[in-house]
C-alpha atoms as a PDB file:
ATOM      1  CA  MET A   1      37.120 132.027  44.158  1.00  0.00           C
ATOM      2  CA  ILE A   2      33.745 131.453  44.289  1.00  0.00           C
ATOM      3  CA  TYR A   3      31.650 133.601  46.098  1.00  0.00           C
ATOM      4  CA  ASP A   4      28.637 132.816  48.547  1.00  0.00           C
ATOM      5  CA  MET A   5      26.642 135.132  50.531  1.00  0.00           C
ATOM      6  CA  ARG A   6      28.265 132.764  52.992  1.00  0.00           C
ATOM      7  CA  VAL A   7      30.302 130.784  51.768  1.00  0.00           C
ATOM      8  CA  VAL A   8      33.668 131.027  50.140  1.00  0.00           C
ATOM      9  CA  LEU A   9      35.574 128.444  48.445  1.00  0.00           C
ATOM     10  CA  GLU A  10      39.028 128.442  46.979  1.00  0.00           C
ATOM     11  CA  THR A  11      40.768 125.476  45.240  1.00  0.00           C
ATOM     12  CA  ALA A  12      44.145 124.453  45.628  1.00  0.00           C
ATOM     13  CA  GLY A  13      46.278 123.077  42.755  1.00  0.00           C
ATOM     14  CA  ASP A  14      45.584 119.205  43.854  1.00  0.00           C
ATOM     15  CA  GLY A  15      41.482 118.788  43.385  1.00  0.00           C
ATOM     16  CA  THR A  16      41.135 119.740  47.401  1.00  0.00           C
ATOM     17  CA  TRP A  17      38.999 122.730  48.407  1.00  0.00           C
ATOM     18  CA  ALA A  18      39.235 124.830  51.516  1.00  0.00           C
ATOM     19  CA  VAL A  19      35.716 125.801  52.314  1.00  0.00           C
ATOM     20  CA  HIS A  20      35.045 129.597  54.875  1.00  0.00           C
ATOM     21  CA  ARG A  21      31.777 129.802  56.119  1.00  0.00           C
ATOM     22  CA  LEU A  22      31.711 133.194  57.014  1.00  0.00           C
ATOM     23  CA  GLY A  23      29.797 135.067  59.857  1.00  0.00           C
ATOM     24  CA  ALA A  24      27.141 138.062  59.743  1.00  0.00           C
ATOM     25  CA  ARG A  25      30.195 140.369  58.899  1.00  0.00           C
ATOM     26  CA  GLY A  26      32.211 138.670  56.705  1.00  0.00           C
ATOM     27  CA  GLU A  27      34.381 137.246  59.557  1.00  0.00           C
ATOM     28  CA  ILE A  28      35.555 133.841  58.246  1.00  0.00           C
ATOM     29  CA  VAL A  29      33.190 131.759  61.239  1.00  0.00           C
ATOM     30  CA  GLU A  30      34.401 128.246  60.463  1.00  0.00           C
ATOM     31  CA  GLU A  31      37.473 126.601  57.750  1.00  0.00           C
ATOM     32  CA  ILE A  32      38.007 123.597  56.279  1.00  0.00           C
ATOM     33  CA  ARG A  33      40.773 122.713  54.286  1.00  0.00           C
ATOM     34  CA  GLY A  34      41.488 119.695  51.915  1.00  0.00           C
ATOM     35  CA  ALA A  35      37.990 118.715  51.367  1.00  0.00           C
ATOM     36  CA  ILE A  36      37.583 116.511  48.511  1.00  0.00           C
ATOM     37  CA  PRO A  37      34.475 116.701  45.663  1.00  0.00           C
ATOM     38  CA  VAL A  38      33.190 112.749  45.108  1.00  0.00           C
ATOM     39  CA  SER A  39      34.207 112.726  42.122  1.00  0.00           C
ATOM     40  CA  THR A  40      37.938 112.820  42.739  1.00  0.00           C
ATOM     41  CA  LEU A  41      36.814 110.888  45.904  1.00  0.00           C
ATOM     42  CA  CYS A  42      35.462 107.603  43.873  1.00  0.00           C
ATOM     43  CA  ARG A  43      38.539 108.035  41.246  1.00  0.00           C
ATOM     44  CA  ARG A  44      40.986 108.099  44.054  1.00  0.00           C
ATOM     45  CA  LEU A  45      39.365 104.577  45.845  1.00  0.00           C
ATOM     46  CA  GLY A  46      37.522 103.335  42.861  1.00  0.00           C
ATOM     47  CA  LYS A  47      34.750 103.000  43.942  1.00  0.00           C
ATOM     48  CA  SER A  48      31.180 103.729  42.850  1.00  0.00           C
ATOM     49  CA  ARG A  49      29.454 106.967  43.354  1.00  0.00           C
ATOM     50  CA  ARG A  50      26.491 105.151  45.402  1.00  0.00           C
ATOM     51  CA  GLN A  51      29.380 103.366  47.753  1.00  0.00           C
ATOM     52  CA  ALA A  52      30.363 106.967  47.801  1.00  0.00           C
ATOM     53  CA  TYR A  53      27.629 108.262  49.183  1.00  0.00           C
ATOM     54  CA  ARG A  54      26.631 105.397  51.134  1.00  0.00           C
ATOM     55  CA  TYR A  55      29.847 106.388  53.160  1.00  0.00           C
ATOM     56  CA  LEU A  56      27.904 109.456  53.496  1.00  0.00           C
ATOM     57  CA  LYS A  57      25.276 108.078  55.055  1.00  0.00           C
ATOM     58  CA  ASP A  58      26.534 105.765  57.441  1.00  0.00           C
ATOM     59  CA  GLY A  59      29.256 108.273  59.148  1.00  0.00           C
ATOM     60  CA  THR A  60      32.382 107.211  57.241  1.00  0.00           C
ATOM     61  CA  LEU A  61      32.756 110.151  55.306  1.00  0.00           C
ATOM     62  CA  VAL A  62      31.614 113.900  56.580  1.00  0.00           C
ATOM     63  CA  ALA A  63      29.684 116.497  53.709  1.00  0.00           C
ATOM     64  CA  VAL A  64      31.265 119.252  54.110  1.00  0.00           C
ATOM     65  CA  GLY A  65      28.438 121.284  52.252  1.00  0.00           C
ATOM     66  CA  LYS A  66      27.131 120.788  48.251  1.00  0.00           C
ATOM     67  CA  PHE A  67      28.420 123.099  46.015  1.00  0.00           C
ATOM     68  CA  LEU A  68      28.504 123.405  42.279  1.00  0.00           C
ATOM     69  CA  GLY A  69      26.826 120.649  42.101  1.00  0.00           C
ATOM     70  CA  GLU A  70      29.134 118.631  43.895  1.00  0.00           C
ATOM     71  CA  TRP A  71      28.985 116.802  47.344  1.00  0.00           C
ATOM     72  CA  LEU A  72      32.711 118.226  49.215  1.00  0.00           C
ATOM     73  CA  VAL A  73      33.286 115.830  52.462  1.00  0.00           C
ATOM     74  CA  ASP A  74      36.028 116.251  54.792  1.00  0.00           C
ATOM     75  CA  PRO A  75      39.435 115.564  54.816  1.00  0.00           C
ATOM     76  CA  GLN A  76      39.573 113.009  57.266  1.00  0.00           C
ATOM     77  CA  GLY A  77      37.421 110.238  56.540  1.00  0.00           C
ATOM     78  CA  VAL A  78      39.104 110.453  53.021  1.00  0.00           C
ATOM     79  CA  ASP A  79      42.422 109.639  54.567  1.00  0.00           C
ATOM     80  CA  LEU A  80      40.908 106.860  56.454  1.00  0.00           C
ATOM     81  CA  LEU A  81      39.442 105.081  53.863  1.00  0.00           C
ATOM     82  CA  CYS A  82      42.263 106.027  51.200  1.00  0.00           C
ATOM     83  CA  GLY A  83      44.473 103.582  54.202  1.00  0.00           C
ATOM     84  CA  ARG A  84      46.482 106.583  54.563  1.00  0.00           C
ATOM     85  CA  ALA A  85      45.406 107.767  57.941  1.00  0.00           C
ATOM     86  CA  ARG A  86      47.523 109.660  60.241  1.00  0.00           C
ATOM     87  CA  ARG A  87      47.178 107.711  63.942  1.00  0.00           C
ATOM     88  CA  HIS A  88      43.609 108.275  65.093  1.00  0.00           C
ATOM     89  CA  THR A  89      42.567 110.078  68.513  1.00  0.00           C
ATOM     90  CA  PRO A  90      41.698 107.494  70.440  1.00  0.00           C
ATOM     91  CA  LEU A  91      38.879 107.657  72.956  1.00  0.00           C
ATOM     92  CA  PRO A  92      39.623 108.896  76.411  1.00  0.00           C
ATOM     93  CA  ALA A  93      40.585 105.991  78.931  1.00  0.00           C
ATOM     94  CA  SER A  94      37.661 106.592  81.102  1.00  0.00           C
ATOM     95  CA  ALA A  95      35.704 105.807  78.693  1.00  0.00           C
ATOM     96  CA  ARG A  96      37.076 102.475  78.707  1.00  0.00           C
ATOM     97  CA  VAL A  97      33.771 101.879  81.291  1.00  0.00           C
ATOM     98  CA  LEU A  98      31.057 102.417  79.123  1.00  0.00           C
ATOM     99  CA  PHE A  99      32.511  99.925  76.649  1.00  0.00           C
ATOM    100  CA  PRO A 100      33.113  96.342  78.706  1.00  0.00           C
ATOM    101  CA  GLU A 101      31.935  94.327  76.006  1.00  0.00           C
ATOM    102  CA  TYR A 102      34.301  95.741  73.255  1.00  0.00           C
ATOM    103  CA  ASP A 103      38.231  95.210  72.753  1.00  0.00           C
ATOM    104  CA  PHE A 104      38.910  98.989  73.743  1.00  0.00           C
ATOM    105  CA  ALA A 105      41.909  99.245  71.598  1.00  0.00           C
ATOM    106  CA  ASP A 106      39.978  98.071  68.525  1.00  0.00           C
ATOM    107  CA  LEU A 107      37.087 100.912  68.705  1.00  0.00           C
ATOM    108  CA  HIS A 108      37.982 103.426  66.370  1.00  0.00           C
ATOM    109  CA  PRO A 109      36.542 106.700  66.348  1.00  0.00           C
ATOM    110  CA  ILE A 110      34.941 107.132  62.625  1.00  0.00           C
ATOM    111  CA  ARG A 111      34.157 103.572  61.902  1.00  0.00           C
ATOM    112  CA  ASN A 112      33.051 103.009  64.807  1.00  0.00           C
ATOM    113  CA  ALA A 113      31.107 106.081  65.530  1.00  0.00           C
ATOM    114  CA  ALA A 114      27.242 104.749  65.203  1.00  0.00           C
ATOM    115  CA  LEU A 115      28.529 102.827  68.847  1.00  0.00           C
ATOM    116  CA  ILE A 116      30.827 105.111  69.965  1.00  0.00           C
ATOM    117  CA  VAL A 117      28.202 107.945  69.969  1.00  0.00           C
ATOM    118  CA  PRO A 118      25.299 107.046  71.949  1.00  0.00           C
ATOM    119  CA  LYS A 119      26.467 105.269  74.421  1.00  0.00           C
ATOM    120  CA  ILE A 120      28.776 109.012  75.210  1.00  0.00           C
ATOM    121  CA  MET A 121      25.503 110.930  74.691  1.00  0.00           C
ATOM    122  CA  GLU A 122      23.850 108.658  77.363  1.00  0.00           C
ATOM    123  CA  MET A 123      26.414 107.375  79.875  1.00  0.00           C
ATOM    124  CA  GLY A 124      29.165 109.502  79.472  1.00  0.00           C
ATOM    125  CA  ASP A 125      31.041 111.915  82.108  1.00  0.00           C
ATOM    126  CA  ARG A 126      32.631 115.573  81.804  1.00  0.00           C
ATOM    127  CA  ARG A 127      35.555 114.399  79.367  1.00  0.00           C
ATOM    128  CA  GLU A 128      34.218 111.800  76.785  1.00  0.00           C
ATOM    129  CA  ILE A 129      31.087 114.340  75.921  1.00  0.00           C
ATOM    130  CA  ALA A 130      34.735 116.839  75.509  1.00  0.00           C
ATOM    131  CA  TRP A 131      35.572 113.997  73.083  1.00  0.00           C
ATOM    132  CA  MET A 132      32.879 113.796  71.621  1.00  0.00           C
ATOM    133  CA  LEU A 133      32.350 117.569  70.790  1.00  0.00           C
ATOM    134  CA  ARG A 134      35.500 118.176  69.952  1.00  0.00           C
ATOM    135  CA  ARG A 135      35.703 115.169  68.074  1.00  0.00           C
ATOM    136  CA  TYR A 136      32.960 115.347  65.646  1.00  0.00           C
ATOM    137  CA  PRO A 137      31.326 118.005  64.221  1.00  0.00           C
ATOM    138  CA  ALA A 138      27.886 119.697  65.123  1.00  0.00           C
ATOM    139  CA  ARG A 139      26.584 118.704  61.822  1.00  0.00           C
ATOM    140  CA  TRP A 140      27.084 115.288  62.237  1.00  0.00           C
ATOM    141  CA  LEU A 141      26.211 115.232  65.085  1.00  0.00           C
ATOM    142  CA  LYS A 142      23.058 117.047  64.307  1.00  0.00           C
ATOM    143  CA  ALA A 143      22.543 114.648  61.158  1.00  0.00           C
ATOM    144  CA  TRP A 144      23.009 111.832  63.470  1.00  0.00           C
ATOM    145  CA  MET A 145      20.419 113.093  65.943  1.00  0.00           C
ATOM    146  CA  ALA A 146      17.723 113.390  63.119  1.00  0.00           C
ATOM    147  CA  ARG A 147      18.475 109.904  62.191  1.00  0.00           C
ATOM    148  CA  GLU A 148      19.135 107.777  65.273  1.00  0.00           C
ATOM    149  CA  GLY A 149      18.311 109.647  68.175  1.00  0.00           C
ATOM    150  CA  TRP A 150      15.383 107.692  68.493  1.00  0.00           C
ATOM    151  CA  ARG A 151      18.189 104.558  70.228  1.00  0.00           C
ATOM    152  CA  LEU A 152      18.639 107.102  72.341  1.00  0.00           C
ATOM    153  CA  PRO A 153      16.499 106.582  76.281  1.00  0.00           C
ATOM    154  CA  PRO A 154      13.950 109.696  76.357  1.00  0.00           C
ATOM    155  CA  ARG A 155      15.815 112.018  78.511  1.00  0.00           C
ATOM    156  CA  ALA A 156      19.442 111.475  76.965  1.00  0.00           C
ATOM    157  CA  ALA A 157      17.056 112.236  73.516  1.00  0.00           C
ATOM    158  CA  ARG A 158      15.694 115.158  74.570  1.00  0.00           C
ATOM    159  CA  PHE A 159      18.499 116.656  76.545  1.00  0.00           C
ATOM    160  CA  TRP A 160      21.122 116.063  73.212  1.00  0.00           C
ATOM    161  CA  SER A 161      18.248 117.946  70.830  1.00  0.00           C
ATOM    162  CA  TRP A 162      17.962 120.311  73.431  1.00  0.00           C
ATOM    163  CA  TRP A 163      22.490 121.025  73.240  1.00  0.00           C
ATOM    164  CA  LEU A 164      22.514 121.052  68.912  1.00  0.00           C
ATOM    165  CA  GLY A 165      19.262 122.770  68.664  1.00  0.00           C
ATOM    166  CA  THR A 166      17.790 119.903  67.200  1.00  0.00           C
ATOM    167  CA  PRO A 167      13.844 119.292  67.315  1.00  0.00           C
ATOM    168  CA  PRO A 168      13.568 116.152  69.688  1.00  0.00           C
ATOM    169  CA  PRO A 169      13.559 112.751  67.946  1.00  0.00           C
ATOM    170  CA  CYS A 170      10.325 110.576  67.494  1.00  0.00           C
ATOM    171  CA  ALA A 171       9.261 107.279  68.690  1.00  0.00           C
ATOM    172  CA  ARG A 172      10.802 105.191  65.223  1.00  0.00           C
ATOM    173  CA  ARG A 173       7.754 103.441  63.098  1.00  0.00           C
ATOM    174  CA  LEU A 174       7.542 100.270  62.275  1.00  0.00           C
ATOM    175  CA  GLY A 175       5.601  99.053  59.447  1.00  0.00           C
ATOM    176  CA  ALA A 176       2.537  96.880  59.634  1.00  0.00           C
ATOM    177  CA  PRO A 177       3.204  93.241  59.713  1.00  0.00           C
ATOM    178  CA  ALA A 178       2.759  91.848  55.891  1.00  0.00           C
END
């Protein structure tokens, strides 16, 4: 085991890690089992590190954190990319009205997260919002708000930045014409 002030890492014999985040009194606040280092992910997929980092940036993979100089990723997205994903959690049936221009059965919570999250943040009701908060980790939603929150209408952006505890997104600036 490797100890840190707030995180305890345990290794399993199969190359995966368990990450335990500790509270102020030493109690386990969050536990993630099966986290996979990017190097192991690259070997399993036959992809480069650069491609793995692209998956992290676009939200296909969720980073658990960077420990000992190596990024650890959440196992759920890894299973999807390796082709052995468990059946994904479908969107709530009530969300069908939010996506009239898409084939609702083809929407995948991981692959189409960049489409699903803003629609639910802007127009979702309690069921869809509860599903979104259960489905996507808070750290992923915060990163999405910092990166893409400017796409939301101002009222929704202010609410979700308050809810997630992030600074309100500013308008995206476009470069000067060439």
